[in-house]
Protein backbone atom coordinates (compact mmCIF):
# COMPACT_ATOMS: atom_id res chain seq x y z
CA UNK A 1 -87.33 46.78 -24.88
CA UNK A 2 -84.95 44.32 -23.34
CA UNK A 3 -85.38 40.59 -23.84
CA UNK A 4 -83.62 39.85 -20.53
CA UNK A 5 -85.52 38.03 -17.81
CA UNK A 6 -86.76 40.66 -15.25
CA UNK A 7 -86.63 38.14 -12.38
CA UNK A 8 -82.89 37.47 -13.14
CA UNK A 9 -80.07 38.56 -10.94
CA UNK A 10 -77.42 41.30 -11.65
CA UNK A 11 -73.83 40.37 -11.28
CA UNK A 12 -70.83 42.68 -10.63
CA UNK A 13 -67.33 41.43 -10.46
CA UNK A 14 -64.67 43.83 -9.23
CA UNK A 15 -60.91 43.43 -8.98
CA UNK A 16 -57.89 45.44 -8.41
CA UNK A 17 -55.43 45.64 -11.38
CA UNK A 18 -52.65 43.04 -11.41
CA UNK A 19 -49.04 43.53 -10.22
CA UNK A 20 -47.63 46.69 -11.79
CA UNK A 21 -44.17 48.12 -12.35
CA UNK A 22 -42.89 51.55 -10.89
CA UNK A 23 -44.00 54.97 -12.12
CA UNK A 24 -47.12 57.00 -12.44
CA UNK A 25 -48.76 54.98 -15.12
CA UNK A 26 -46.93 51.67 -15.29
CA UNK A 27 -47.58 48.56 -17.26
CA UNK A 28 -48.05 45.18 -15.62
CA UNK A 29 -45.00 43.27 -14.50
CA UNK A 30 -44.48 39.75 -15.84
CA UNK A 31 -46.23 38.44 -12.79
CA UNK A 32 -49.12 40.82 -13.42
CA UNK A 33 -49.36 39.64 -17.02
CA UNK A 34 -49.49 35.99 -15.92
CA UNK A 35 -52.20 36.94 -13.32
CA UNK A 36 -54.27 38.70 -16.08
CA UNK A 37 -54.05 35.46 -18.05
CA UNK A 38 -55.39 33.53 -14.99
CA UNK A 39 -58.28 36.00 -14.71
CA UNK A 40 -59.11 35.31 -18.37
CA UNK A 41 -59.03 31.51 -17.69
CA UNK A 42 -61.13 31.83 -14.67
CA UNK A 43 -63.87 34.06 -16.18
CA UNK A 44 -63.53 33.03 -19.86
CA UNK A 45 -66.80 31.04 -19.83
CA UNK A 46 -68.77 33.57 -17.86
CA UNK A 47 -71.59 35.51 -19.71
CA UNK A 48 -69.79 38.87 -19.39
CA UNK A 49 -71.79 41.79 -20.84
CA UNK A 50 -69.42 44.66 -20.03
CA UNK A 51 -65.75 45.28 -19.15
CA UNK A 52 -64.96 48.59 -17.46
CA UNK A 53 -61.66 50.14 -16.26
CA UNK A 54 -59.99 53.38 -15.42
CA UNK A 55 -57.73 55.29 -17.83
CA UNK A 56 -54.58 53.79 -16.40
CA UNK A 57 -52.54 51.35 -18.43
CA UNK A 58 -52.40 48.74 -15.61
CA UNK A 59 -56.23 48.35 -15.39
CA UNK A 60 -56.64 48.10 -19.20
CA UNK A 61 -53.78 45.58 -19.39
CA UNK A 62 -55.38 43.51 -16.69
CA UNK A 63 -58.54 43.10 -18.63
CA UNK A 64 -57.03 42.60 -22.17
CA UNK A 65 -56.70 38.83 -22.06
CA UNK A 66 -60.32 38.51 -20.69
CA UNK A 67 -61.63 40.83 -23.35
CA UNK A 68 -59.90 38.86 -26.09
CA UNK A 69 -61.35 35.60 -24.61
CA UNK A 70 -64.99 36.78 -24.23
CA UNK A 71 -65.17 39.15 -27.15
CA UNK A 72 -66.29 42.10 -25.21
CA UNK A 73 -64.65 45.53 -25.77
CA UNK A 74 -63.04 47.26 -22.69
CA UNK A 75 -64.79 50.56 -21.80
CA UNK A 76 -62.68 53.23 -20.10
CA UNK A 77 -64.10 55.70 -17.43
CA UNK A 78 -61.80 58.20 -15.87
CA UNK A 79 -61.02 57.27 -12.28
CA UNK A 80 -62.21 60.60 -11.03
CA UNK A 81 -65.49 60.75 -12.91
CA UNK A 82 -67.74 59.58 -10.05
CA UNK A 83 -70.95 60.44 -11.93
CA UNK A 84 -69.94 58.20 -14.92
CA UNK A 85 -69.13 55.40 -12.57
CA UNK A 86 -72.43 55.88 -10.74
CA UNK A 87 -74.28 55.76 -14.07
CA UNK A 88 -72.37 52.54 -15.19
CA UNK A 89 -73.28 50.78 -11.89
CA UNK A 90 -76.87 52.06 -12.17
CA UNK A 91 -77.10 50.68 -15.69
CA UNK A 92 -76.50 47.15 -14.61
CA UNK A 93 -79.66 45.25 -15.59
CA UNK A 94 -81.21 41.77 -15.26
CA UNK A 95 -78.91 39.13 -16.48
CA UNK A 96 -75.87 41.41 -16.83
CA UNK A 97 -72.45 40.36 -15.73
CA UNK A 98 -70.21 43.36 -15.48
CA UNK A 99 -66.45 43.28 -14.68
CA UNK A 100 -64.66 46.30 -13.33
CA UNK A 101 -60.93 46.60 -12.88
CA UNK A 102 -60.05 49.38 -10.45
CA UNK A 103 -57.59 50.35 -7.79
CA UNK A 104 -57.06 49.58 -4.06
CA UNK A 105 -59.09 52.61 -3.12
CA UNK A 106 -61.92 52.17 -5.73
CA UNK A 107 -62.67 48.49 -5.51
CA UNK A 108 -64.39 48.71 -2.12
CA UNK A 109 -66.45 51.76 -3.37
CA UNK A 110 -67.72 49.88 -6.38
CA UNK A 111 -68.66 46.82 -4.27
CA UNK A 112 -70.34 48.90 -1.59
CA UNK A 113 -72.22 50.98 -4.10
CA UNK A 114 -74.24 48.01 -5.25
CA UNK A 115 -74.83 46.75 -1.71
CA UNK A 116 -71.92 44.34 -1.38
CA UNK A 117 -69.12 44.19 1.20
CA UNK A 118 -65.49 43.36 1.38
CA UNK A 119 -63.45 41.86 4.29
CA UNK A 120 -59.74 42.56 4.93
CA UNK A 121 -59.61 46.25 3.89
CA UNK A 122 -57.51 48.90 5.60
CA UNK A 123 -58.70 52.32 6.66
CA UNK A 124 -56.81 55.02 4.81
CA UNK A 125 -57.85 58.64 5.12
CA UNK A 126 -61.29 57.69 6.20
CA UNK A 127 -61.82 55.28 3.30
CA UNK A 128 -61.61 51.50 2.84
CA UNK A 129 -58.62 50.30 0.78
CA UNK A 130 -57.49 46.98 -0.38
CA UNK A 131 -54.01 46.27 1.13
CA UNK A 132 -51.10 47.18 -1.17
CA UNK A 133 -49.81 43.61 -1.43
CA UNK A 134 -53.23 42.15 -2.50
CA UNK A 135 -53.69 41.44 -6.26
CA UNK A 136 -55.43 38.10 -6.18
CA UNK A 137 -58.98 38.84 -5.21
CA UNK A 138 -62.07 38.97 -7.28
CA UNK A 139 -65.08 40.32 -5.46
CA UNK A 140 -68.41 39.20 -6.74
CA UNK A 141 -71.81 40.69 -5.87
CA UNK A 142 -75.12 39.52 -7.08
CA UNK A 143 -78.55 40.93 -6.35
CA UNK A 144 -82.09 40.78 -7.64
CA UNK A 145 -82.67 42.84 -10.73
CA UNK A 146 -85.90 44.21 -9.20
CA UNK A 147 -83.96 45.75 -6.34
CA UNK A 148 -82.52 49.24 -6.59
CA UNK A 149 -78.73 49.62 -5.67
CA UNK A 150 -77.45 49.58 -3.04
CA UNK A 151 -79.47 46.30 -2.98
CA UNK A 152 -80.39 45.22 0.60
CA UNK A 153 -80.32 41.55 -0.30
CA UNK A 154 -77.00 41.69 -2.26
CA UNK A 155 -74.81 38.65 -1.80
CA UNK A 156 -71.01 38.99 -1.72
CA UNK A 157 -68.29 36.52 -2.11
CA UNK A 158 -64.56 36.65 -2.67
CA UNK A 159 -62.46 34.42 -4.95
CA UNK A 160 -58.82 34.16 -5.19
CA UNK A 161 -57.21 33.60 -8.51
CA UNK A 162 -53.62 33.14 -9.78
CA UNK A 163 -50.57 32.87 -7.35
CA UNK A 164 -51.78 33.70 -3.79
CA UNK A 165 -50.71 37.07 -2.37
CA UNK A 166 -49.57 36.98 1.31
């Protein structure tokens, strides 16, 4: 049995990986590495309970400084494993603070899956995408733990971190 407060909120923070180099599975650029450090500075005091990312190098490298700072292991879920992602989102419980690092096409899906919304997306092949030049946004969704997702009363906010992307 969980000792978490059942009246507490659930928190999901979703971001796109930081700036990356060229290729099919590139590492972060020096700018991306700096932004990842800024993320760790921004969220280093948050009560993070889980860190999730896809199997790609850039998402893992984005979360590494934060993982080191908060002492939470990074969990990897394959980008195409929608049932595992659905399960991970459904497992968010009262008092949890989960951070997901995804991609320009998955960030909107994760936010919307819990009842949140994102402004400033582009429509690509019938799906919402984060614009390709945007790496500085952190999307935060909170909802009452007694509400099933997608939560009707979910609250969404967006924070910028690191050097602004224009």
